[in-house]
Amino acid sequence: MSFLDSHLLSILIWLPILGGVLVLATGDDRNAALARKISFGFSVATLLASLSLYRNFDLTTADMQFVEQMPWINIFDIQYFLGVDGISVPLILLTTFLTVIVVVAGWEVIQERTAQYFAAFLFMEGFMVGVFSALDGVLFYLFWEAMLIPMFLIIGVWGGQNRVYAAIKFFLYTLLGSLLMLVAIIYLYSQSGSFSVLEFHKTPLGMTPQILIFLAFLAAFSVKVPMVPVHTWLPDAHVEAPTGG
């Protein structure tokens, strides 16, 4: 496996984030054309890299593939641990494809704070790929929560008349739901001695803890989807959000 293939997931995460930093470096709207071109270039490059992920994915095994693992915070056994399976690969492809569409859709529509707008989507793309490929509970949670920041800004800055209310409502709903998931992750660590998602799978648990952990994750995912009855942030956020959001 080549160097690029062995670090492909890191490339898919950090390439759009790097692109977002470069877009922000273009400054104000006098360089809006340059910001658009950089955003488009990095979004297309990330899409092409994700196609390599699909092309080299082995459909004959259920094992995690393109695994990257290195120590991060040793005292808690927190690792920079990435990998994908047959469920996460299509989601990564969908993310990279839609990001290109979003950049093109906002090409002429966004005329104010152009660099910040496109940078927010590039950051969010990297965080979303991180969510779909993280195999460490803490790393997953950090990427999961980091997605809130660019989405909050996209709604709150480029949204409609009631954008601030919609952005705060969206942020509070998703943050509170995610806190339950954090509690569940910490509990799984206390039982398994590791934040590795693969170790979570092997940890024997009683029926009651399993149900409570399921409900905690369900709460976080239900808010993000969203599902009834925790869906009430959606009408406000989607009405006020710009087209790309």
C-alpha atoms as a PDB file:
ATOM      1  CA  MET A   1       0.000   0.000   0.000  1.00  0.00           C
ATOM      2  CA  SER A   2       1.383   3.401  -1.010  1.00  0.00           C
ATOM      3  CA  PHE A   3       1.859   6.306   1.386  1.00  0.00           C
ATOM      4  CA  LEU A   4      -1.221   8.062   0.000  1.00  0.00           C
ATOM      5  CA  ASP A   5      -3.387   4.954   0.364  1.00  0.00           C
ATOM      6  CA  SER A   6      -2.181   4.316   3.914  1.00  0.00           C
ATOM      7  CA  HIS A   7      -3.070   7.898   4.897  1.00  0.00           C
ATOM      8  CA  LEU A   8      -6.074   8.371   2.624  1.00  0.00           C
ATOM      9  CA  LEU A   9      -8.570   8.958   5.424  1.00  0.00           C
ATOM     10  CA  SER A  10      -6.371  11.635   6.981  1.00  0.00           C
ATOM     11  CA  ILE A  11      -6.097  13.277   3.575  1.00  0.00           C
ATOM     12  CA  LEU A  12      -9.886  13.248   3.204  1.00  0.00           C
ATOM     13  CA  ILE A  13     -10.277  14.856   6.632  1.00  0.00           C
ATOM     14  CA  TRP A  14      -7.517  17.442   6.616  1.00  0.00           C
ATOM     15  CA  LEU A  15      -7.405  18.407   2.923  1.00  0.00           C
ATOM     16  CA  PRO A  16     -10.714  20.330   3.010  1.00  0.00           C
ATOM     17  CA  ILE A  17      -9.809  21.803   6.409  1.00  0.00           C
ATOM     18  CA  LEU A  18      -6.528  23.043   4.919  1.00  0.00           C
ATOM     19  CA  GLY A  19      -8.545  24.413   2.014  1.00  0.00           C
ATOM     20  CA  GLY A  20     -10.781  26.249   4.468  1.00  0.00           C
ATOM     21  CA  VAL A  21      -7.760  27.867   6.119  1.00  0.00           C
ATOM     22  CA  LEU A  22      -6.410  28.999   2.738  1.00  0.00           C
ATOM     23  CA  VAL A  23      -9.809  30.368   1.750  1.00  0.00           C
ATOM     24  CA  LEU A  24      -9.956  32.386   4.974  1.00  0.00           C
ATOM     25  CA  ALA A  25      -6.474  33.704   4.198  1.00  0.00           C
ATOM     26  CA  THR A  26      -7.800  35.370   1.035  1.00  0.00           C
ATOM     27  CA  GLY A  27      -9.312  38.033   3.275  1.00  0.00           C
ATOM     28  CA  ASP A  28     -12.300  40.211   2.479  1.00  0.00           C
ATOM     29  CA  ASP A  29     -14.708  40.249  -0.456  1.00  0.00           C
ATOM     30  CA  ARG A  30     -12.219  42.002  -2.736  1.00  0.00           C
ATOM     31  CA  ASN A  31     -10.709  38.534  -3.247  1.00  0.00           C
ATOM     32  CA  ALA A  32     -14.043  36.714  -3.484  1.00  0.00           C
ATOM     33  CA  ALA A  33     -13.253  35.263  -6.914  1.00  0.00           C
ATOM     34  CA  LEU A  34     -10.040  33.715  -5.589  1.00  0.00           C
ATOM     35  CA  ALA A  35     -11.875  32.325  -2.552  1.00  0.00           C
ATOM     36  CA  ARG A  36     -14.427  30.656  -4.825  1.00  0.00           C
ATOM     37  CA  LYS A  37     -11.735  29.099  -7.015  1.00  0.00           C
ATOM     38  CA  ILE A  38      -9.759  27.753  -4.058  1.00  0.00           C
ATOM     39  CA  SER A  39     -12.936  26.322  -2.509  1.00  0.00           C
ATOM     40  CA  PHE A  40     -13.914  24.621  -5.742  1.00  0.00           C
ATOM     41  CA  GLY A  41     -10.409  23.245  -6.254  1.00  0.00           C
ATOM     42  CA  PHE A  42     -10.182  21.729  -2.787  1.00  0.00           C
ATOM     43  CA  SER A  43     -13.720  20.326  -2.903  1.00  0.00           C
ATOM     44  CA  VAL A  44     -13.024  18.624  -6.243  1.00  0.00           C
ATOM     45  CA  ALA A  45      -9.654  17.331  -5.010  1.00  0.00           C
ATOM     46  CA  THR A  46     -11.341  15.820  -1.950  1.00  0.00           C
ATOM     47  CA  LEU A  47     -14.010  14.226  -4.142  1.00  0.00           C
ATOM     48  CA  LEU A  48     -11.348  12.656  -6.369  1.00  0.00           C
ATOM     49  CA  ALA A  49      -9.511  11.347  -3.302  1.00  0.00           C
ATOM     50  CA  SER A  50     -12.745   9.772  -2.037  1.00  0.00           C
ATOM     51  CA  LEU A  51     -13.158   8.003  -5.387  1.00  0.00           C
ATOM     52  CA  SER A  52      -9.780   6.394  -4.733  1.00  0.00           C
ATOM     53  CA  LEU A  53     -11.194   5.204  -1.401  1.00  0.00           C
ATOM     54  CA  TYR A  54     -14.087   3.552  -3.231  1.00  0.00           C
ATOM     55  CA  ARG A  55     -11.910   2.096  -5.977  1.00  0.00           C
ATOM     56  CA  ASN A  56      -9.512   0.413  -3.544  1.00  0.00           C
ATOM     57  CA  PHE A  57     -12.139  -0.765  -1.056  1.00  0.00           C
ATOM     58  CA  ASP A  58     -12.215  -4.560  -0.678  1.00  0.00           C
ATOM     59  CA  LEU A  59     -15.814  -5.797  -0.850  1.00  0.00           C
ATOM     60  CA  THR A  60     -14.858  -9.345   0.167  1.00  0.00           C
ATOM     61  CA  THR A  61     -14.120  -8.596   3.836  1.00  0.00           C
ATOM     62  CA  ALA A  62     -16.023  -7.113   6.759  1.00  0.00           C
ATOM     63  CA  ASP A  63     -12.832  -5.869   8.434  1.00  0.00           C
ATOM     64  CA  MET A  64     -12.087  -2.179   8.839  1.00  0.00           C
ATOM     65  CA  GLN A  65      -9.988  -0.884   5.965  1.00  0.00           C
ATOM     66  CA  PHE A  66      -7.603   2.040   5.384  1.00  0.00           C
ATOM     67  CA  VAL A  67      -6.891   1.884   9.117  1.00  0.00           C
ATOM     68  CA  GLU A  68      -4.695   4.577  10.651  1.00  0.00           C
ATOM     69  CA  GLN A  69      -3.807   4.274  14.312  1.00  0.00           C
ATOM     70  CA  MET A  70      -1.393   6.202  16.482  1.00  0.00           C
ATOM     71  CA  PRO A  71      -1.263   7.253  20.157  1.00  0.00           C
ATOM     72  CA  TRP A  72      -2.709  10.629  21.053  1.00  0.00           C
ATOM     73  CA  ILE A  73      -3.429  10.998  24.803  1.00  0.00           C
ATOM     74  CA  ASN A  74      -1.771   7.956  26.329  1.00  0.00           C
ATOM     75  CA  ILE A  75      -2.970   8.444  29.899  1.00  0.00           C
ATOM     76  CA  PHE A  76      -6.566   7.788  28.784  1.00  0.00           C
ATOM     77  CA  ASP A  77      -5.665   5.509  25.863  1.00  0.00           C
ATOM     78  CA  ILE A  78      -7.136   8.042  23.424  1.00  0.00           C
ATOM     79  CA  GLN A  79      -5.871   7.428  19.907  1.00  0.00           C
ATOM     80  CA  TYR A  80      -5.952   8.976  16.476  1.00  0.00           C
ATOM     81  CA  PHE A  81      -7.736   5.912  15.124  1.00  0.00           C
ATOM     82  CA  LEU A  82      -9.425   5.884  11.716  1.00  0.00           C
ATOM     83  CA  GLY A  83     -10.952   3.198   9.523  1.00  0.00           C
ATOM     84  CA  VAL A  84     -13.911   2.561   7.226  1.00  0.00           C
ATOM     85  CA  ASP A  85     -16.311  -0.252   6.420  1.00  0.00           C
ATOM     86  CA  GLY A  86     -18.987  -0.793   3.799  1.00  0.00           C
ATOM     87  CA  ILE A  87     -21.389   1.604   5.523  1.00  0.00           C
ATOM     88  CA  SER A  88     -19.067   4.557   6.029  1.00  0.00           C
ATOM     89  CA  VAL A  89     -17.539   4.572   2.528  1.00  0.00           C
ATOM     90  CA  PRO A  90     -20.802   5.537   0.730  1.00  0.00           C
ATOM     91  CA  LEU A  91     -21.438   8.227   3.349  1.00  0.00           C
ATOM     92  CA  ILE A  92     -17.981   9.707   2.763  1.00  0.00           C
ATOM     93  CA  LEU A  93     -18.576   9.656  -0.999  1.00  0.00           C
ATOM     94  CA  LEU A  94     -21.923  11.397  -0.515  1.00  0.00           C
ATOM     95  CA  THR A  95     -20.296  14.056   1.683  1.00  0.00           C
ATOM     96  CA  THR A  96     -17.526  14.870  -0.783  1.00  0.00           C
ATOM     97  CA  PHE A  97     -19.943  14.913  -3.731  1.00  0.00           C
ATOM     98  CA  LEU A  98     -22.461  17.202  -2.028  1.00  0.00           C
ATOM     99  CA  THR A  99     -19.730  19.622  -0.956  1.00  0.00           C
ATOM    100  CA  VAL A 100     -18.852  20.251  -4.605  1.00  0.00           C
ATOM    101  CA  ILE A 101     -22.551  20.859  -5.332  1.00  0.00           C
ATOM    102  CA  VAL A 102     -22.812  23.287  -2.399  1.00  0.00           C
ATOM    103  CA  VAL A 103     -19.775  25.255  -3.574  1.00  0.00           C
ATOM    104  CA  VAL A 104     -21.185  25.543  -7.090  1.00  0.00           C
ATOM    105  CA  ALA A 105     -24.656  26.468  -5.764  1.00  0.00           C
ATOM    106  CA  GLY A 106     -23.230  29.366  -3.755  1.00  0.00           C
ATOM    107  CA  TRP A 107     -20.934  30.619  -6.519  1.00  0.00           C
ATOM    108  CA  GLU A 108     -23.010  33.679  -7.447  1.00  0.00           C
ATOM    109  CA  VAL A 109     -25.561  33.675  -4.633  1.00  0.00           C
ATOM    110  CA  ILE A 110     -23.151  34.527  -1.806  1.00  0.00           C
ATOM    111  CA  GLN A 111     -21.819  38.058  -2.264  1.00  0.00           C
ATOM    112  CA  GLU A 112     -20.937  38.997   1.328  1.00  0.00           C
ATOM    113  CA  ARG A 113     -18.293  37.329   3.503  1.00  0.00           C
ATOM    114  CA  THR A 114     -17.672  34.976   0.607  1.00  0.00           C
ATOM    115  CA  ALA A 115     -14.443  33.483   1.926  1.00  0.00           C
ATOM    116  CA  GLN A 116     -15.936  32.744   5.336  1.00  0.00           C
ATOM    117  CA  TYR A 117     -18.987  31.083   3.764  1.00  0.00           C
ATOM    118  CA  PHE A 118     -17.024  28.666   1.603  1.00  0.00           C
ATOM    119  CA  ALA A 119     -14.467  28.022   4.348  1.00  0.00           C
ATOM    120  CA  ALA A 120     -17.266  26.986   6.716  1.00  0.00           C
ATOM    121  CA  PHE A 121     -18.423  24.318   4.274  1.00  0.00           C
ATOM    122  CA  LEU A 122     -14.893  23.020   3.726  1.00  0.00           C
ATOM    123  CA  PHE A 123     -14.370  22.766   7.482  1.00  0.00           C
ATOM    124  CA  MET A 124     -17.689  20.969   7.842  1.00  0.00           C
ATOM    125  CA  GLU A 125     -16.750  18.536   5.079  1.00  0.00           C
ATOM    126  CA  GLY A 126     -13.565  17.567   6.905  1.00  0.00           C
ATOM    127  CA  PHE A 127     -15.388  17.150  10.211  1.00  0.00           C
ATOM    128  CA  MET A 128     -18.103  15.002   8.607  1.00  0.00           C
ATOM    129  CA  VAL A 129     -15.548  12.683   7.009  1.00  0.00           C
ATOM    130  CA  GLY A 130     -13.951  12.466  10.455  1.00  0.00           C
ATOM    131  CA  VAL A 131     -17.263  11.392  11.983  1.00  0.00           C
ATOM    132  CA  PHE A 132     -17.698   8.637   9.390  1.00  0.00           C
ATOM    133  CA  SER A 133     -14.156   7.297   9.797  1.00  0.00           C
ATOM    134  CA  ALA A 134     -13.300   7.773  13.499  1.00  0.00           C
ATOM    135  CA  LEU A 135     -12.747   4.535  15.432  1.00  0.00           C
ATOM    136  CA  ASP A 136     -11.924   6.215  18.728  1.00  0.00           C
ATOM    137  CA  GLY A 137     -14.845   7.372  20.862  1.00  0.00           C
ATOM    138  CA  VAL A 138     -13.291  10.695  21.859  1.00  0.00           C
ATOM    139  CA  LEU A 139     -12.145  11.432  18.311  1.00  0.00           C
ATOM    140  CA  PHE A 140     -15.631  10.632  17.040  1.00  0.00           C
ATOM    141  CA  TYR A 141     -17.206  12.926  19.627  1.00  0.00           C
ATOM    142  CA  LEU A 142     -14.849  15.799  18.807  1.00  0.00           C
ATOM    143  CA  PHE A 143     -15.622  15.581  15.096  1.00  0.00           C
ATOM    144  CA  TRP A 144     -19.340  15.222  15.884  1.00  0.00           C
ATOM    145  CA  GLU A 145     -19.391  18.379  17.982  1.00  0.00           C
ATOM    146  CA  ALA A 146     -17.055  20.294  15.656  1.00  0.00           C
ATOM    147  CA  MET A 147     -19.666  19.995  12.897  1.00  0.00           C
ATOM    148  CA  LEU A 148     -21.914  22.271  14.958  1.00  0.00           C
ATOM    149  CA  ILE A 149     -19.589  25.259  14.673  1.00  0.00           C
ATOM    150  CA  PRO A 150     -19.609  25.841  10.883  1.00  0.00           C
ATOM    151  CA  MET A 151     -23.311  24.940  10.671  1.00  0.00           C
ATOM    152  CA  PHE A 152     -24.128  27.428  13.429  1.00  0.00           C
ATOM    153  CA  LEU A 153     -22.206  30.139  11.580  1.00  0.00           C
ATOM    154  CA  ILE A 154     -23.753  29.305   8.202  1.00  0.00           C
ATOM    155  CA  ILE A 155     -27.263  29.702   9.612  1.00  0.00           C
ATOM    156  CA  GLY A 156     -26.478  32.616  11.920  1.00  0.00           C
ATOM    157  CA  VAL A 157     -24.488  34.749   9.463  1.00  0.00           C
ATOM    158  CA  TRP A 158     -25.957  34.029   6.018  1.00  0.00           C
ATOM    159  CA  GLY A 159     -29.491  33.043   7.029  1.00  0.00           C
ATOM    160  CA  GLY A 160     -32.787  34.912   6.838  1.00  0.00           C
ATOM    161  CA  GLN A 161     -34.414  37.474   9.092  1.00  0.00           C
ATOM    162  CA  ASN A 162     -34.693  35.195  12.157  1.00  0.00           C
ATOM    163  CA  ARG A 163     -31.331  33.519  11.580  1.00  0.00           C
ATOM    164  CA  VAL A 164     -29.901  34.191  15.059  1.00  0.00           C
ATOM    165  CA  TYR A 165     -32.870  32.573  16.814  1.00  0.00           C
ATOM    166  CA  ALA A 166     -32.757  29.592  14.436  1.00  0.00           C
ATOM    167  CA  ALA A 167     -28.996  29.153  14.847  1.00  0.00           C
ATOM    168  CA  ILE A 168     -29.111  29.241  18.649  1.00  0.00           C
ATOM    169  CA  LYS A 169     -32.041  26.823  18.746  1.00  0.00           C
ATOM    170  CA  PHE A 170     -30.224  24.422  16.417  1.00  0.00           C
ATOM    171  CA  PHE A 171     -27.023  24.666  18.463  1.00  0.00           C
ATOM    172  CA  LEU A 172     -28.684  24.086  21.843  1.00  0.00           C
ATOM    173  CA  TYR A 173     -30.778  21.141  20.668  1.00  0.00           C
ATOM    174  CA  THR A 174     -27.859  19.299  19.093  1.00  0.00           C
ATOM    175  CA  LEU A 175     -25.434  20.127  21.903  1.00  0.00           C
ATOM    176  CA  LEU A 176     -27.748  18.877  24.649  1.00  0.00           C
ATOM    177  CA  GLY A 177     -28.479  15.673  22.744  1.00  0.00           C
ATOM    178  CA  SER A 178     -24.775  15.064  22.235  1.00  0.00           C
ATOM    179  CA  LEU A 179     -24.014  15.381  25.948  1.00  0.00           C
ATOM    180  CA  LEU A 180     -25.958  12.171  26.581  1.00  0.00           C
ATOM    181  CA  MET A 181     -23.821  10.443  23.980  1.00  0.00           C
ATOM    182  CA  LEU A 182     -20.682  11.697  25.734  1.00  0.00           C
ATOM    183  CA  VAL A 183     -21.882  10.156  28.998  1.00  0.00           C
ATOM    184  CA  ALA A 184     -22.439   6.846  27.186  1.00  0.00           C
ATOM    185  CA  ILE A 185     -18.948   6.953  25.648  1.00  0.00           C
ATOM    186  CA  ILE A 186     -17.363   7.613  29.046  1.00  0.00           C
ATOM    187  CA  TYR A 187     -19.328   4.718  30.548  1.00  0.00           C
ATOM    188  CA  LEU A 188     -18.149   2.392  27.765  1.00  0.00           C
ATOM    189  CA  TYR A 189     -14.581   3.489  28.483  1.00  0.00           C
ATOM    190  CA  SER A 190     -15.047   2.666  32.172  1.00  0.00           C
ATOM    191  CA  GLN A 191     -16.173  -0.840  31.235  1.00  0.00           C
ATOM    192  CA  SER A 192     -13.713  -1.591  28.425  1.00  0.00           C
ATOM    193  CA  GLY A 193     -10.643   0.375  29.533  1.00  0.00           C
ATOM    194  CA  SER A 194     -10.349   1.851  26.048  1.00  0.00           C
ATOM    195  CA  PHE A 195     -12.013   4.466  23.863  1.00  0.00           C
ATOM    196  CA  SER A 196     -11.620   2.216  20.809  1.00  0.00           C
ATOM    197  CA  VAL A 197     -14.965   1.615  19.117  1.00  0.00           C
ATOM    198  CA  LEU A 198     -13.776  -1.884  18.206  1.00  0.00           C
ATOM    199  CA  GLU A 199     -13.157  -2.601  21.889  1.00  0.00           C
ATOM    200  CA  PHE A 200     -16.632  -1.280  22.691  1.00  0.00           C
ATOM    201  CA  HIS A 201     -18.004  -4.032  20.434  1.00  0.00           C
ATOM    202  CA  LYS A 202     -16.261  -6.715  22.487  1.00  0.00           C
ATOM    203  CA  THR A 203     -17.247  -5.402  25.926  1.00  0.00           C
ATOM    204  CA  PRO A 204     -19.805  -7.600  27.737  1.00  0.00           C
ATOM    205  CA  LEU A 205     -22.660  -5.527  29.151  1.00  0.00           C
ATOM    206  CA  GLY A 206     -25.895  -6.321  30.932  1.00  0.00           C
ATOM    207  CA  MET A 207     -29.238  -5.650  29.283  1.00  0.00           C
ATOM    208  CA  THR A 208     -29.977  -2.509  31.319  1.00  0.00           C
ATOM    209  CA  PRO A 209     -26.670  -0.744  30.455  1.00  0.00           C
ATOM    210  CA  GLN A 210     -27.138  -1.728  26.805  1.00  0.00           C
ATOM    211  CA  ILE A 211     -30.597  -0.160  26.725  1.00  0.00           C
ATOM    212  CA  LEU A 212     -29.420   3.036  28.435  1.00  0.00           C
ATOM    213  CA  ILE A 213     -26.432   3.365  26.095  1.00  0.00           C
ATOM    214  CA  PHE A 214     -28.704   2.796  23.104  1.00  0.00           C
ATOM    215  CA  LEU A 215     -31.086   5.502  24.326  1.00  0.00           C
ATOM    216  CA  ALA A 216     -28.203   7.937  24.871  1.00  0.00           C
ATOM    217  CA  PHE A 217     -26.906   7.466  21.324  1.00  0.00           C
ATOM    218  CA  LEU A 218     -30.467   7.501  19.990  1.00  0.00           C
ATOM    219  CA  ALA A 219     -31.063  10.876  21.632  1.00  0.00           C
ATOM    220  CA  ALA A 220     -27.978  12.382  19.975  1.00  0.00           C
ATOM    221  CA  PHE A 221     -28.731  10.927  16.552  1.00  0.00           C
ATOM    222  CA  SER A 222     -32.463  11.703  16.757  1.00  0.00           C
ATOM    223  CA  VAL A 223     -31.781  15.393  17.309  1.00  0.00           C
ATOM    224  CA  LYS A 224     -29.273  15.532  14.467  1.00  0.00           C
ATOM    225  CA  VAL A 225     -31.481  13.673  11.936  1.00  0.00           C
ATOM    226  CA  PRO A 226     -33.964  15.038  13.280  1.00  0.00           C
ATOM    227  CA  MET A 227     -36.751  12.706  14.437  1.00  0.00           C
ATOM    228  CA  VAL A 228     -40.048  13.385  16.208  1.00  0.00           C
ATOM    229  CA  PRO A 229     -40.358  14.740  18.904  1.00  0.00           C
ATOM    230  CA  VAL A 230     -36.919  16.448  18.870  1.00  0.00           C
ATOM    231  CA  HIS A 231     -37.343  17.853  15.369  1.00  0.00           C
ATOM    232  CA  THR A 232     -38.677  21.308  16.194  1.00  0.00           C
ATOM    233  CA  TRP A 233     -35.358  23.049  15.457  1.00  0.00           C
ATOM    234  CA  LEU A 234     -35.559  21.903  11.830  1.00  0.00           C
ATOM    235  CA  PRO A 235     -38.318  24.191  10.442  1.00  0.00           C
ATOM    236  CA  ASP A 236     -36.633  27.291  11.867  1.00  0.00           C
ATOM    237  CA  ALA A 237     -33.131  26.302  10.787  1.00  0.00           C
ATOM    238  CA  HIS A 238     -34.031  25.230   7.257  1.00  0.00           C
ATOM    239  CA  VAL A 239     -36.284  28.203   6.611  1.00  0.00           C
ATOM    240  CA  GLU A 240     -33.616  30.654   7.748  1.00  0.00           C
ATOM    241  CA  ALA A 241     -30.529  28.853   6.384  1.00  0.00           C
ATOM    242  CA  PRO A 242     -29.048  29.830   3.007  1.00  0.00           C
ATOM    243  CA  THR A 243     -29.540  27.436   0.086  1.00  0.00           C
ATOM    244  CA  GLY A 244     -26.251  25.630   0.670  1.00  0.00           C
ATOM    245  CA  GLY A 245     -27.031  25.107   4.353  1.00  0.00           C
END
